[in-house]
Amino acid sequence: MLLALLLVACPVPDDTGDSAEAEEVVIPEAAVCEPAVVEYDGTDEPRVGDLWKFWLTCDGTLQMGASRTSVEPAEAGTLADGESVPEVTWARAGEATLSIQTGRFKGERVVTVLPE
């Protein structure tokens, strides 16, 4: 009963149509990074079992913050959170794509993993 009284006591505001139109957001050129680059610490030609630490840079500047990482195909490597940067341990020979997104910047690196 109390809820019904509260709903009656709080009138719904009238829509006057005076709402401002949404403005288009223009991202300044300084905030655009093409391409973002996946950098790594590991052997240039990784083998199954090798570990890479990796991170994202934009125009040579390290992108810090929470990152979303992936390996395609998923069986190609095992991802883990390292001490300061993500890590991948290569698990299967063949071609794989290592991806990382930090903030609005995303980069990919195609890797050929060699057998043990």
PDB file of N, CA and C in Angstrom:
ATOM      1  N   MET A   1       0.837  -1.183   0.000  1.00  0.00           N
ATOM      2  CA  MET A   1       0.000   0.000   0.000  1.00  0.00           C
ATOM      3  C   MET A   1       0.880   1.244   0.000  1.00  0.00           C
ATOM      4  N   LEU A   2       1.941   1.221   0.792  1.00  0.00           N
ATOM      5  CA  LEU A   2       2.837   2.367   0.867  1.00  0.00           C
ATOM      6  C   LEU A   2       3.475   2.637  -0.490  1.00  0.00           C
ATOM      7  N   LEU A   3       3.833   1.586  -1.196  1.00  0.00           N
ATOM      8  CA  LEU A   3       4.442   1.734  -2.518  1.00  0.00           C
ATOM      9  C   LEU A   3       3.477   2.424  -3.474  1.00  0.00           C
ATOM     10  N   ALA A   4       2.212   2.041  -3.443  1.00  0.00           N
ATOM     11  CA  ALA A   4       1.217   2.667  -4.314  1.00  0.00           C
ATOM     12  C   ALA A   4       1.092   4.149  -4.003  1.00  0.00           C
ATOM     13  N   LEU A   5       1.116   4.539  -2.722  1.00  0.00           N
ATOM     14  CA  LEU A   5       1.033   5.947  -2.349  1.00  0.00           C
ATOM     15  C   LEU A   5       2.269   6.715  -2.819  1.00  0.00           C
ATOM     16  N   LEU A   6       3.429   6.110  -2.717  1.00  0.00           N
ATOM     17  CA  LEU A   6       4.650   6.766  -3.175  1.00  0.00           C
ATOM     18  C   LEU A   6       4.642   6.982  -4.680  1.00  0.00           C
ATOM     19  N   LEU A   7       4.139   5.999  -5.417  1.00  0.00           N
ATOM     20  CA  LEU A   7       4.078   6.140  -6.868  1.00  0.00           C
ATOM     21  C   LEU A   7       3.126   7.263  -7.276  1.00  0.00           C
ATOM     22  N   VAL A   8       2.029   7.427  -6.587  1.00  0.00           N
ATOM     23  CA  VAL A   8       1.071   8.494  -6.882  1.00  0.00           C
ATOM     24  C   VAL A   8       1.662   9.843  -6.481  1.00  0.00           C
ATOM     25  N   ALA A   9       2.425   9.890  -5.398  1.00  0.00           N
ATOM     26  CA  ALA A   9       2.974  11.138  -4.887  1.00  0.00           C
ATOM     27  C   ALA A   9       4.126  11.662  -5.749  1.00  0.00           C
ATOM     28  N   CYS A  10       4.765  10.803  -6.543  1.00  0.00           N
ATOM     29  CA  CYS A  10       5.898  11.217  -7.366  1.00  0.00           C
ATOM     30  C   CYS A  10       5.453  11.302  -8.821  1.00  0.00           C
ATOM     31  N   PRO A  11       5.133  12.494  -9.277  1.00  0.00           N
ATOM     32  CA  PRO A  11       4.651  12.617 -10.651  1.00  0.00           C
ATOM     33  C   PRO A  11       5.773  12.377 -11.658  1.00  0.00           C
ATOM     34  N   VAL A  12       5.392  11.864 -12.807  1.00  0.00           N
ATOM     35  CA  VAL A  12       6.336  11.644 -13.903  1.00  0.00           C
ATOM     36  C   VAL A  12       6.530  12.976 -14.618  1.00  0.00           C
ATOM     37  N   PRO A  13       7.782  13.399 -14.852  1.00  0.00           N
ATOM     38  CA  PRO A  13       8.002  14.678 -15.519  1.00  0.00           C
ATOM     39  C   PRO A  13       7.468  14.648 -16.950  1.00  0.00           C
ATOM     40  N   ASP A  14       6.963  15.790 -17.404  1.00  0.00           N
ATOM     41  CA  ASP A  14       6.449  15.901 -18.763  1.00  0.00           C
ATOM     42  C   ASP A  14       7.605  15.964 -19.748  1.00  0.00           C
ATOM     43  N   ASP A  15       7.446  15.319 -20.902  1.00  0.00           N
ATOM     44  CA  ASP A  15       8.457  15.389 -21.954  1.00  0.00           C
ATOM     45  C   ASP A  15       8.179  16.654 -22.753  1.00  0.00           C
ATOM     46  N   THR A  16       9.037  17.639 -22.595  1.00  0.00           N
ATOM     47  CA  THR A  16       8.834  18.926 -23.267  1.00  0.00           C
ATOM     48  C   THR A  16       9.469  18.964 -24.642  1.00  0.00           C
ATOM     49  N   GLY A  17      10.289  17.951 -24.973  1.00  0.00           N
ATOM     50  CA  GLY A  17      10.947  17.948 -26.269  1.00  0.00           C
ATOM     51  C   GLY A  17      12.146  18.876 -26.321  1.00  0.00           C
ATOM     52  N   ASP A  18      12.538  19.431 -25.159  1.00  0.00           N
ATOM     53  CA  ASP A  18      13.657  20.368 -25.131  1.00  0.00           C
ATOM     54  C   ASP A  18      15.011  19.674 -24.982  1.00  0.00           C
ATOM     55  N   SER A  19      15.028  18.361 -25.020  1.00  0.00           N
ATOM     56  CA  SER A  19      16.291  17.653 -24.864  1.00  0.00           C
ATOM     57  C   SER A  19      17.221  17.987 -26.019  1.00  0.00           C
ATOM     58  N   ALA A  20      18.482  18.159 -25.692  1.00  0.00           N
ATOM     59  CA  ALA A  20      19.469  18.469 -26.722  1.00  0.00           C
ATOM     60  C   ALA A  20      19.780  17.211 -27.522  1.00  0.00           C
ATOM     61  N   GLU A  21      20.032  17.388 -28.797  1.00  0.00           N
ATOM     62  CA  GLU A  21      20.426  16.276 -29.653  1.00  0.00           C
ATOM     63  C   GLU A  21      21.822  15.820 -29.242  1.00  0.00           C
ATOM     64  N   ALA A  22      22.064  14.535 -29.366  1.00  0.00           N
ATOM     65  CA  ALA A  22      23.390  14.010 -29.044  1.00  0.00           C
ATOM     66  C   ALA A  22      24.393  14.569 -30.044  1.00  0.00           C
ATOM     67  N   GLU A  23      25.520  15.021 -29.534  1.00  0.00           N
ATOM     68  CA  GLU A  23      26.555  15.567 -30.401  1.00  0.00           C
ATOM     69  C   GLU A  23      27.489  14.454 -30.847  1.00  0.00           C
ATOM     70  N   GLU A  24      27.992  14.582 -32.069  1.00  0.00           N
ATOM     71  CA  GLU A  24      28.958  13.616 -32.566  1.00  0.00           C
ATOM     72  C   GLU A  24      30.303  13.892 -31.902  1.00  0.00           C
ATOM     73  N   VAL A  25      30.916  12.850 -31.400  1.00  0.00           N
ATOM     74  CA  VAL A  25      32.203  12.996 -30.734  1.00  0.00           C
ATOM     75  C   VAL A  25      33.301  12.864 -31.779  1.00  0.00           C
ATOM     76  N   VAL A  26      34.184  13.834 -31.819  1.00  0.00           N
ATOM     77  CA  VAL A  26      35.301  13.798 -32.745  1.00  0.00           C
ATOM     78  C   VAL A  26      36.564  13.500 -31.938  1.00  0.00           C
ATOM     79  N   ILE A  27      37.230  12.408 -32.289  1.00  0.00           N
ATOM     80  CA  ILE A  27      38.458  12.030 -31.591  1.00  0.00           C
ATOM     81  C   ILE A  27      39.608  12.771 -32.250  1.00  0.00           C
ATOM     82  N   PRO A  28      40.382  13.518 -31.475  1.00  0.00           N
ATOM     83  CA  PRO A  28      41.511  14.243 -32.063  1.00  0.00           C
ATOM     84  C   PRO A  28      42.529  13.288 -32.662  1.00  0.00           C
ATOM     85  N   GLU A  29      43.218  13.740 -33.700  1.00  0.00           N
ATOM     86  CA  GLU A  29      44.197  12.892 -34.361  1.00  0.00           C
ATOM     87  C   GLU A  29      45.252  12.377 -33.398  1.00  0.00           C
ATOM     88  N   ALA A  30      45.592  13.156 -32.385  1.00  0.00           N
ATOM     89  CA  ALA A  30      46.615  12.751 -31.426  1.00  0.00           C
ATOM     90  C   ALA A  30      46.182  11.516 -30.647  1.00  0.00           C
ATOM     91  N   ALA A  31      44.872  11.230 -30.583  1.00  0.00           N
ATOM     92  CA  ALA A  31      44.381  10.090 -29.817  1.00  0.00           C
ATOM     93  C   ALA A  31      44.221   8.840 -30.677  1.00  0.00           C
ATOM     94  N   VAL A  32      44.577   8.930 -31.958  1.00  0.00           N
ATOM     95  CA  VAL A  32      44.439   7.799 -32.864  1.00  0.00           C
ATOM     96  C   VAL A  32      45.805   7.149 -33.049  1.00  0.00           C
ATOM     97  N   CYS A  33      45.831   5.843 -33.018  1.00  0.00           N
ATOM     98  CA  CYS A  33      47.094   5.118 -33.162  1.00  0.00           C
ATOM     99  C   CYS A  33      46.932   4.072 -34.252  1.00  0.00           C
ATOM    100  N   GLU A  34      47.602   4.274 -35.353  1.00  0.00           N
ATOM    101  CA  GLU A  34      47.578   3.286 -36.426  1.00  0.00           C
ATOM    102  C   GLU A  34      48.981   3.028 -36.886  1.00  0.00           C
ATOM    103  N   PRO A  35      49.510   1.883 -36.752  1.00  0.00           N
ATOM    104  CA  PRO A  35      48.927   0.756 -36.039  1.00  0.00           C
ATOM    105  C   PRO A  35      49.448   0.691 -34.608  1.00  0.00           C
ATOM    106  N   ALA A  36      48.665   0.091 -33.754  1.00  0.00           N
ATOM    107  CA  ALA A  36      49.168  -0.266 -32.423  1.00  0.00           C
ATOM    108  C   ALA A  36      50.014  -1.525 -32.624  1.00  0.00           C
ATOM    109  N   VAL A  37      51.100  -1.646 -31.886  1.00  0.00           N
ATOM    110  CA  VAL A  37      52.054  -2.731 -32.125  1.00  0.00           C
ATOM    111  C   VAL A  37      52.164  -3.622 -30.894  1.00  0.00           C
ATOM    112  N   VAL A  38      52.102  -4.933 -31.124  1.00  0.00           N
ATOM    113  CA  VAL A  38      52.317  -5.905 -30.055  1.00  0.00           C
ATOM    114  C   VAL A  38      53.825  -6.144 -29.967  1.00  0.00           C
ATOM    115  N   GLU A  39      54.416  -5.722 -28.859  1.00  0.00           N
ATOM    116  CA  GLU A  39      55.840  -5.948 -28.593  1.00  0.00           C
ATOM    117  C   GLU A  39      55.951  -7.162 -27.688  1.00  0.00           C
ATOM    118  N   TYR A  40      57.113  -7.799 -27.681  1.00  0.00           N
ATOM    119  CA  TYR A  40      57.268  -9.002 -26.877  1.00  0.00           C
ATOM    120  C   TYR A  40      58.701  -9.157 -26.394  1.00  0.00           C
ATOM    121  N   ASP A  41      58.847  -9.964 -25.361  1.00  0.00           N
ATOM    122  CA  ASP A  41      60.144 -10.355 -24.847  1.00  0.00           C
ATOM    123  C   ASP A  41      60.178 -11.873 -24.926  1.00  0.00           C
ATOM    124  N   GLY A  42      60.958 -12.386 -25.856  1.00  0.00           N
ATOM    125  CA  GLY A  42      61.054 -13.820 -26.078  1.00  0.00           C
ATOM    126  C   GLY A  42      61.856 -14.058 -27.340  1.00  0.00           C
ATOM    127  N   THR A  43      62.014 -15.321 -27.709  1.00  0.00           N
ATOM    128  CA  THR A  43      62.779 -15.642 -28.908  1.00  0.00           C
ATOM    129  C   THR A  43      62.031 -15.179 -30.152  1.00  0.00           C
ATOM    130  N   ASP A  44      62.808 -14.738 -31.167  1.00  0.00           N
ATOM    131  CA  ASP A  44      62.177 -14.250 -32.400  1.00  0.00           C
ATOM    132  C   ASP A  44      61.413 -15.343 -33.127  1.00  0.00           C
ATOM    133  N   GLU A  45      61.903 -16.560 -33.061  1.00  0.00           N
ATOM    134  CA  GLU A  45      61.209 -17.696 -33.662  1.00  0.00           C
ATOM    135  C   GLU A  45      60.850 -18.662 -32.539  1.00  0.00           C
ATOM    136  N   PRO A  46      59.679 -18.451 -31.915  1.00  0.00           N
ATOM    137  CA  PRO A  46      59.350 -19.278 -30.739  1.00  0.00           C
ATOM    138  C   PRO A  46      59.132 -20.740 -31.114  1.00  0.00           C
ATOM    139  N   ARG A  47      59.442 -21.580 -30.151  1.00  0.00           N
ATOM    140  CA  ARG A  47      59.200 -23.012 -30.281  1.00  0.00           C
ATOM    141  C   ARG A  47      58.143 -23.410 -29.254  1.00  0.00           C
ATOM    142  N   VAL A  48      57.530 -24.556 -29.466  1.00  0.00           N
ATOM    143  CA  VAL A  48      56.561 -25.074 -28.507  1.00  0.00           C
ATOM    144  C   VAL A  48      57.242 -25.131 -27.143  1.00  0.00           C
ATOM    145  N   GLY A  49      56.604 -24.574 -26.124  1.00  0.00           N
ATOM    146  CA  GLY A  49      57.140 -24.541 -24.772  1.00  0.00           C
ATOM    147  C   GLY A  49      57.793 -23.219 -24.411  1.00  0.00           C
ATOM    148  N   ASP A  50      58.103 -22.373 -25.418  1.00  0.00           N
ATOM    149  CA  ASP A  50      58.704 -21.064 -25.144  1.00  0.00           C
ATOM    150  C   ASP A  50      57.684 -20.119 -24.526  1.00  0.00           C
ATOM    151  N   LEU A  51      58.183 -19.202 -23.689  1.00  0.00           N
ATOM    152  CA  LEU A  51      57.341 -18.199 -23.027  1.00  0.00           C
ATOM    153  C   LEU A  51      57.636 -16.826 -23.616  1.00  0.00           C
ATOM    154  N   TRP A  52      56.598 -16.093 -23.924  1.00  0.00           N
ATOM    155  CA  TRP A  52      56.704 -14.698 -24.355  1.00  0.00           C
ATOM    156  C   TRP A  52      55.980 -13.833 -23.337  1.00  0.00           C
ATOM    157  N   LYS A  53      56.584 -12.734 -22.957  1.00  0.00           N
ATOM    158  CA  LYS A  53      55.885 -11.668 -22.250  1.00  0.00           C
ATOM    159  C   LYS A  53      55.563 -10.649 -23.332  1.00  0.00           C
ATOM    160  N   PHE A  54      54.355 -10.072 -23.307  1.00  0.00           N
ATOM    161  CA  PHE A  54      53.998  -9.169 -24.392  1.00  0.00           C
ATOM    162  C   PHE A  54      53.182  -7.991 -23.877  1.00  0.00           C
ATOM    163  N   TRP A  55      53.182  -6.911 -24.666  1.00  0.00           N
ATOM    164  CA  TRP A  55      52.501  -5.677 -24.297  1.00  0.00           C
ATOM    165  C   TRP A  55      52.175  -4.910 -25.565  1.00  0.00           C
ATOM    166  N   LEU A  56      51.414  -3.840 -25.427  1.00  0.00           N
ATOM    167  CA  LEU A  56      50.968  -3.040 -26.561  1.00  0.00           C
ATOM    168  C   LEU A  56      51.614  -1.669 -26.514  1.00  0.00           C
ATOM    169  N   THR A  57      52.097  -1.208 -27.669  1.00  0.00           N
ATOM    170  CA  THR A  57      52.625   0.149 -27.769  1.00  0.00           C
ATOM    171  C   THR A  57      51.867   0.900 -28.851  1.00  0.00           C
ATOM    172  N   CYS A  58      51.835   2.204 -28.698  1.00  0.00           N
ATOM    173  CA  CYS A  58      51.210   3.090 -29.682  1.00  0.00           C
ATOM    174  C   CYS A  58      52.203   4.218 -29.936  1.00  0.00           C
ATOM    175  N   ASP A  59      52.678   4.316 -31.159  1.00  0.00           N
ATOM    176  CA  ASP A  59      53.692   5.312 -31.512  1.00  0.00           C
ATOM    177  C   ASP A  59      54.884   5.238 -30.565  1.00  0.00           C
ATOM    178  N   GLY A  60      55.276   4.011 -30.191  1.00  0.00           N
ATOM    179  CA  GLY A  60      56.423   3.796 -29.332  1.00  0.00           C
ATOM    180  C   GLY A  60      56.160   3.981 -27.849  1.00  0.00           C
ATOM    181  N   THR A  61      54.908   4.300 -27.473  1.00  0.00           N
ATOM    182  CA  THR A  61      54.568   4.525 -26.064  1.00  0.00           C
ATOM    183  C   THR A  61      53.833   3.316 -25.514  1.00  0.00           C
ATOM    184  N   LEU A  62      54.309   2.795 -24.392  1.00  0.00           N
ATOM    185  CA  LEU A  62      53.676   1.662 -23.732  1.00  0.00           C
ATOM    186  C   LEU A  62      52.262   2.024 -23.307  1.00  0.00           C
ATOM    187  N   GLN A  63      51.296   1.179 -23.648  1.00  0.00           N
ATOM    188  CA  GLN A  63      49.913   1.374 -23.238  1.00  0.00           C
ATOM    189  C   GLN A  63      49.694   0.594 -21.949  1.00  0.00           C
ATOM    190  N   MET A  64      49.368   1.317 -20.886  1.00  0.00           N
ATOM    191  CA  MET A  64      49.226   0.686 -19.574  1.00  0.00           C
ATOM    192  C   MET A  64      47.755   0.587 -19.199  1.00  0.00           C
ATOM    193  N   GLY A  65      47.462  -0.348 -18.314  1.00  0.00           N
ATOM    194  CA  GLY A  65      46.103  -0.529 -17.820  1.00  0.00           C
ATOM    195  C   GLY A  65      45.658  -1.963 -18.022  1.00  0.00           C
ATOM    196  N   ALA A  66      44.407  -2.192 -17.724  1.00  0.00           N
ATOM    197  CA  ALA A  66      43.848  -3.533 -17.895  1.00  0.00           C
ATOM    198  C   ALA A  66      43.869  -3.888 -19.372  1.00  0.00           C
ATOM    199  N   SER A  67      44.242  -5.121 -19.660  1.00  0.00           N
ATOM    200  CA  SER A  67      44.343  -5.573 -21.046  1.00  0.00           C
ATOM    201  C   SER A  67      43.491  -6.817 -21.257  1.00  0.00           C
ATOM    202  N   ARG A  68      42.990  -6.927 -22.463  1.00  0.00           N
ATOM    203  CA  ARG A  68      42.267  -8.135 -22.876  1.00  0.00           C
ATOM    204  C   ARG A  68      43.152  -8.826 -23.899  1.00  0.00           C
ATOM    205  N   THR A  69      43.466 -10.091 -23.660  1.00  0.00           N
ATOM    206  CA  THR A  69      44.394 -10.815 -24.511  1.00  0.00           C
ATOM    207  C   THR A  69      43.731 -12.055 -25.094  1.00  0.00           C
ATOM    208  N   SER A  70      44.244 -12.500 -26.253  1.00  0.00           N
ATOM    209  CA  SER A  70      43.752 -13.746 -26.834  1.00  0.00           C
ATOM    210  C   SER A  70      44.799 -14.315 -27.777  1.00  0.00           C
ATOM    211  N   VAL A  71      44.684 -15.624 -28.011  1.00  0.00           N
ATOM    212  CA  VAL A  71      45.498 -16.333 -28.988  1.00  0.00           C
ATOM    213  C   VAL A  71      44.532 -17.101 -29.872  1.00  0.00           C
ATOM    214  N   GLU A  72      44.713 -16.992 -31.181  1.00  0.00           N
ATOM    215  CA  GLU A  72      43.883 -17.737 -32.138  1.00  0.00           C
ATOM    216  C   GLU A  72      44.785 -18.571 -33.005  1.00  0.00           C
ATOM    217  N   PRO A  73      44.569 -19.833 -33.142  1.00  0.00           N
ATOM    218  CA  PRO A  73      43.577 -20.628 -32.434  1.00  0.00           C
ATOM    219  C   PRO A  73      43.949 -20.776 -30.959  1.00  0.00           C
ATOM    220  N   ALA A  74      42.969 -20.995 -30.147  1.00  0.00           N
ATOM    221  CA  ALA A  74      43.167 -21.041 -28.695  1.00  0.00           C
ATOM    222  C   ALA A  74      44.157 -22.128 -28.272  1.00  0.00           C
ATOM    223  N   GLU A  75      44.255 -23.210 -29.049  1.00  0.00           N
ATOM    224  CA  GLU A  75      45.149 -24.309 -28.704  1.00  0.00           C
ATOM    225  C   GLU A  75      46.617 -23.953 -28.941  1.00  0.00           C
ATOM    226  N   ALA A  76      46.884 -22.853 -29.616  1.00  0.00           N
ATOM    227  CA  ALA A  76      48.257 -22.487 -29.970  1.00  0.00           C
ATOM    228  C   ALA A  76      49.073 -22.026 -28.768  1.00  0.00           C
ATOM    229  N   GLY A  77      48.412 -21.478 -27.740  1.00  0.00           N
ATOM    230  CA  GLY A  77      49.159 -20.986 -26.588  1.00  0.00           C
ATOM    231  C   GLY A  77      48.306 -20.878 -25.352  1.00  0.00           C
ATOM    232  N   THR A  78      48.973 -20.860 -24.216  1.00  0.00           N
ATOM    233  CA  THR A  78      48.306 -20.711 -22.933  1.00  0.00           C
ATOM    234  C   THR A  78      48.628 -19.330 -22.381  1.00  0.00           C
ATOM    235  N   LEU A  79      47.592 -18.543 -22.098  1.00  0.00           N
ATOM    236  CA  LEU A  79      47.767 -17.183 -21.580  1.00  0.00           C
ATOM    237  C   LEU A  79      47.768 -17.180 -20.062  1.00  0.00           C
ATOM    238  N   ALA A  80      48.578 -16.278 -19.500  1.00  0.00           N
ATOM    239  CA  ALA A  80      48.638 -16.121 -18.038  1.00  0.00           C
ATOM    240  C   ALA A  80      48.961 -14.668 -17.735  1.00  0.00           C
ATOM    241  N   ASP A  81      48.602 -14.236 -16.537  1.00  0.00           N
ATOM    242  CA  ASP A  81      48.986 -12.906 -16.069  1.00  0.00           C
ATOM    243  C   ASP A  81      50.386 -13.003 -15.509  1.00  0.00           C
ATOM    244  N   GLY A  82      51.305 -12.239 -16.072  1.00  0.00           N
ATOM    245  CA  GLY A  82      52.675 -12.222 -15.573  1.00  0.00           C
ATOM    246  C   GLY A  82      52.782 -11.255 -14.412  1.00  0.00           C
ATOM    247  N   GLU A  83      54.000 -11.020 -13.954  1.00  0.00           N
ATOM    248  CA  GLU A  83      54.225 -10.096 -12.850  1.00  0.00           C
ATOM    249  C   GLU A  83      53.774  -8.687 -13.216  1.00  0.00           C
ATOM    250  N   SER A  84      54.108  -8.249 -14.425  1.00  0.00           N
ATOM    251  CA  SER A  84      53.733  -6.895 -14.820  1.00  0.00           C
ATOM    252  C   SER A  84      53.061  -6.841 -16.182  1.00  0.00           C
ATOM    253  N   VAL A  85      53.222  -7.880 -16.989  1.00  0.00           N
ATOM    254  CA  VAL A  85      52.620  -7.921 -18.321  1.00  0.00           C
ATOM    255  C   VAL A  85      52.069  -9.316 -18.588  1.00  0.00           C
ATOM    256  N   PRO A  86      51.156  -9.458 -19.552  1.00  0.00           N
ATOM    257  CA  PRO A  86      50.638 -10.791 -19.878  1.00  0.00           C
ATOM    258  C   PRO A  86      51.738 -11.692 -20.434  1.00  0.00           C
ATOM    259  N   GLU A  87      51.506 -12.988 -20.333  1.00  0.00           N
ATOM    260  CA  GLU A  87      52.453 -13.981 -20.841  1.00  0.00           C
ATOM    261  C   GLU A  87      51.705 -15.018 -21.663  1.00  0.00           C
ATOM    262  N   VAL A  88      52.387 -15.563 -22.658  1.00  0.00           N
ATOM    263  CA  VAL A  88      51.854 -16.685 -23.419  1.00  0.00           C
ATOM    264  C   VAL A  88      52.940 -17.745 -23.490  1.00  0.00           C
ATOM    265  N   THR A  89      52.547 -18.994 -23.231  1.00  0.00           N
ATOM    266  CA  THR A  89      53.430 -20.135 -23.428  1.00  0.00           C
ATOM    267  C   THR A  89      52.920 -20.850 -24.663  1.00  0.00           C
ATOM    268  N   TRP A  90      53.779 -20.915 -25.671  1.00  0.00           N
ATOM    269  CA  TRP A  90      53.365 -21.506 -26.947  1.00  0.00           C
ATOM    270  C   TRP A  90      53.193 -23.008 -26.776  1.00  0.00           C
ATOM    271  N   ALA A  91      52.052 -23.538 -27.200  1.00  0.00           N
ATOM    272  CA  ALA A  91      51.692 -24.926 -26.928  1.00  0.00           C
ATOM    273  C   ALA A  91      51.599 -25.801 -28.173  1.00  0.00           C
ATOM    274  N   ARG A  92      51.501 -25.172 -29.349  1.00  0.00           N
ATOM    275  CA  ARG A  92      51.317 -25.963 -30.570  1.00  0.00           C
ATOM    276  C   ARG A  92      52.048 -25.310 -31.728  1.00  0.00           C
ATOM    277  N   ALA A  93      52.716 -26.127 -32.536  1.00  0.00           N
ATOM    278  CA  ALA A  93      53.418 -25.614 -33.709  1.00  0.00           C
ATOM    279  C   ALA A  93      52.406 -25.163 -34.761  1.00  0.00           C
ATOM    280  N   GLY A  94      52.809 -24.140 -35.515  1.00  0.00           N
ATOM    281  CA  GLY A  94      51.964 -23.628 -36.584  1.00  0.00           C
ATOM    282  C   GLY A  94      51.795 -22.126 -36.451  1.00  0.00           C
ATOM    283  N   GLU A  95      50.921 -21.581 -37.267  1.00  0.00           N
ATOM    284  CA  GLU A  95      50.682 -20.144 -37.249  1.00  0.00           C
ATOM    285  C   GLU A  95      49.604 -19.786 -36.222  1.00  0.00           C
ATOM    286  N   ALA A  96      49.841 -18.688 -35.513  1.00  0.00           N
ATOM    287  CA  ALA A  96      48.893 -18.220 -34.494  1.00  0.00           C
ATOM    288  C   ALA A  96      48.860 -16.698 -34.538  1.00  0.00           C
ATOM    289  N   THR A  97      47.768 -16.142 -34.046  1.00  0.00           N
ATOM    290  CA  THR A  97      47.637 -14.688 -33.946  1.00  0.00           C
ATOM    291  C   THR A  97      47.500 -14.322 -32.478  1.00  0.00           C
ATOM    292  N   LEU A  98      48.434 -13.493 -32.007  1.00  0.00           N
ATOM    293  CA  LEU A  98      48.438 -13.002 -30.626  1.00  0.00           C
ATOM    294  C   LEU A  98      47.805 -11.613 -30.633  1.00  0.00           C
ATOM    295  N   SER A  99      46.752 -11.411 -29.833  1.00  0.00           N
ATOM    296  CA  SER A  99      46.031 -10.130 -29.802  1.00  0.00           C
ATOM    297  C   SER A  99      46.026  -9.564 -28.391  1.00  0.00           C
ATOM    298  N   ILE A 100      46.086  -8.241 -28.314  1.00  0.00           N
ATOM    299  CA  ILE A 100      45.976  -7.556 -27.025  1.00  0.00           C
ATOM    300  C   ILE A 100      45.258  -6.236 -27.248  1.00  0.00           C
ATOM    301  N   GLN A 101      44.346  -5.930 -26.337  1.00  0.00           N
ATOM    302  CA  GLN A 101      43.652  -4.643 -26.349  1.00  0.00           C
ATOM    303  C   GLN A 101      43.846  -3.992 -24.990  1.00  0.00           C
ATOM    304  N   THR A 102      44.347  -2.769 -25.013  1.00  0.00           N
ATOM    305  CA  THR A 102      44.508  -1.974 -23.804  1.00  0.00           C
ATOM    306  C   THR A 102      43.803  -0.654 -24.054  1.00  0.00           C
ATOM    307  N   GLY A 103      42.782  -0.367 -23.260  1.00  0.00           N
ATOM    308  CA  GLY A 103      41.980   0.824 -23.529  1.00  0.00           C
ATOM    309  C   GLY A 103      41.310   0.687 -24.879  1.00  0.00           C
ATOM    310  N   ARG A 104      41.379   1.737 -25.692  1.00  0.00           N
ATOM    311  CA  ARG A 104      40.730   1.674 -27.004  1.00  0.00           C
ATOM    312  C   ARG A 104      41.680   1.202 -28.103  1.00  0.00           C
ATOM    313  N   PHE A 105      42.934   0.896 -27.746  1.00  0.00           N
ATOM    314  CA  PHE A 105      43.915   0.476 -28.737  1.00  0.00           C
ATOM    315  C   PHE A 105      44.019  -1.042 -28.768  1.00  0.00           C
ATOM    316  N   LYS A 106      44.089  -1.593 -29.981  1.00  0.00           N
ATOM    317  CA  LYS A 106      44.164  -3.042 -30.147  1.00  0.00           C
ATOM    318  C   LYS A 106      45.245  -3.349 -31.176  1.00  0.00           C
ATOM    319  N   GLY A 107      46.043  -4.364 -30.874  1.00  0.00           N
ATOM    320  CA  GLY A 107      47.080  -4.790 -31.806  1.00  0.00           C
ATOM    321  C   GLY A 107      47.110  -6.295 -31.935  1.00  0.00           C
ATOM    322  N   GLU A 108      47.636  -6.751 -33.069  1.00  0.00           N
ATOM    323  CA  GLU A 108      47.765  -8.177 -33.321  1.00  0.00           C
ATOM    324  C   GLU A 108      49.152  -8.467 -33.880  1.00  0.00           C
ATOM    325  N   ARG A 109      49.647  -9.656 -33.617  1.00  0.00           N
ATOM    326  CA  ARG A 109      50.923 -10.104 -34.181  1.00  0.00           C
ATOM    327  C   ARG A 109      50.737 -11.543 -34.619  1.00  0.00           C
ATOM    328  N   VAL A 110      51.028 -11.811 -35.884  1.00  0.00           N
ATOM    329  CA  VAL A 110      50.986 -13.178 -36.406  1.00  0.00           C
ATOM    330  C   VAL A 110      52.336 -13.817 -36.111  1.00  0.00           C
ATOM    331  N   VAL A 111      52.287 -15.021 -35.540  1.00  0.00           N
ATOM    332  CA  VAL A 111      53.486 -15.720 -35.083  1.00  0.00           C
ATOM    333  C   VAL A 111      53.501 -17.118 -35.691  1.00  0.00           C
ATOM    334  N   THR A 112      54.674 -17.544 -36.133  1.00  0.00           N
ATOM    335  CA  THR A 112      54.845 -18.931 -36.555  1.00  0.00           C
ATOM    336  C   THR A 112      55.622 -19.636 -35.465  1.00  0.00           C
ATOM    337  N   VAL A 113      54.960 -20.588 -34.814  1.00  0.00           N
ATOM    338  CA  VAL A 113      55.561 -21.341 -33.714  1.00  0.00           C
ATOM    339  C   VAL A 113      56.163 -22.620 -34.304  1.00  0.00           C
ATOM    340  N   LEU A 114      57.440 -22.849 -33.986  1.00  0.00           N
ATOM    341  CA  LEU A 114      58.161 -24.017 -34.494  1.00  0.00           C
ATOM    342  C   LEU A 114      57.999 -25.196 -33.538  1.00  0.00           C
ATOM    343  N   PRO A 115      58.150 -26.430 -34.034  1.00  0.00           N
ATOM    344  CA  PRO A 115      58.096 -27.590 -33.135  1.00  0.00           C
ATOM    345  C   PRO A 115      59.253 -27.546 -32.146  1.00  0.00           C
ATOM    346  N   GLU A 116      59.150 -28.322 -31.071  1.00  0.00           N
ATOM    347  CA  GLU A 116      60.193 -28.355 -30.021  1.00  0.00           C
ATOM    348  C   GLU A 116      61.549 -28.653 -30.560  1.00  0.00           C
TER     349      GLU A 116
END
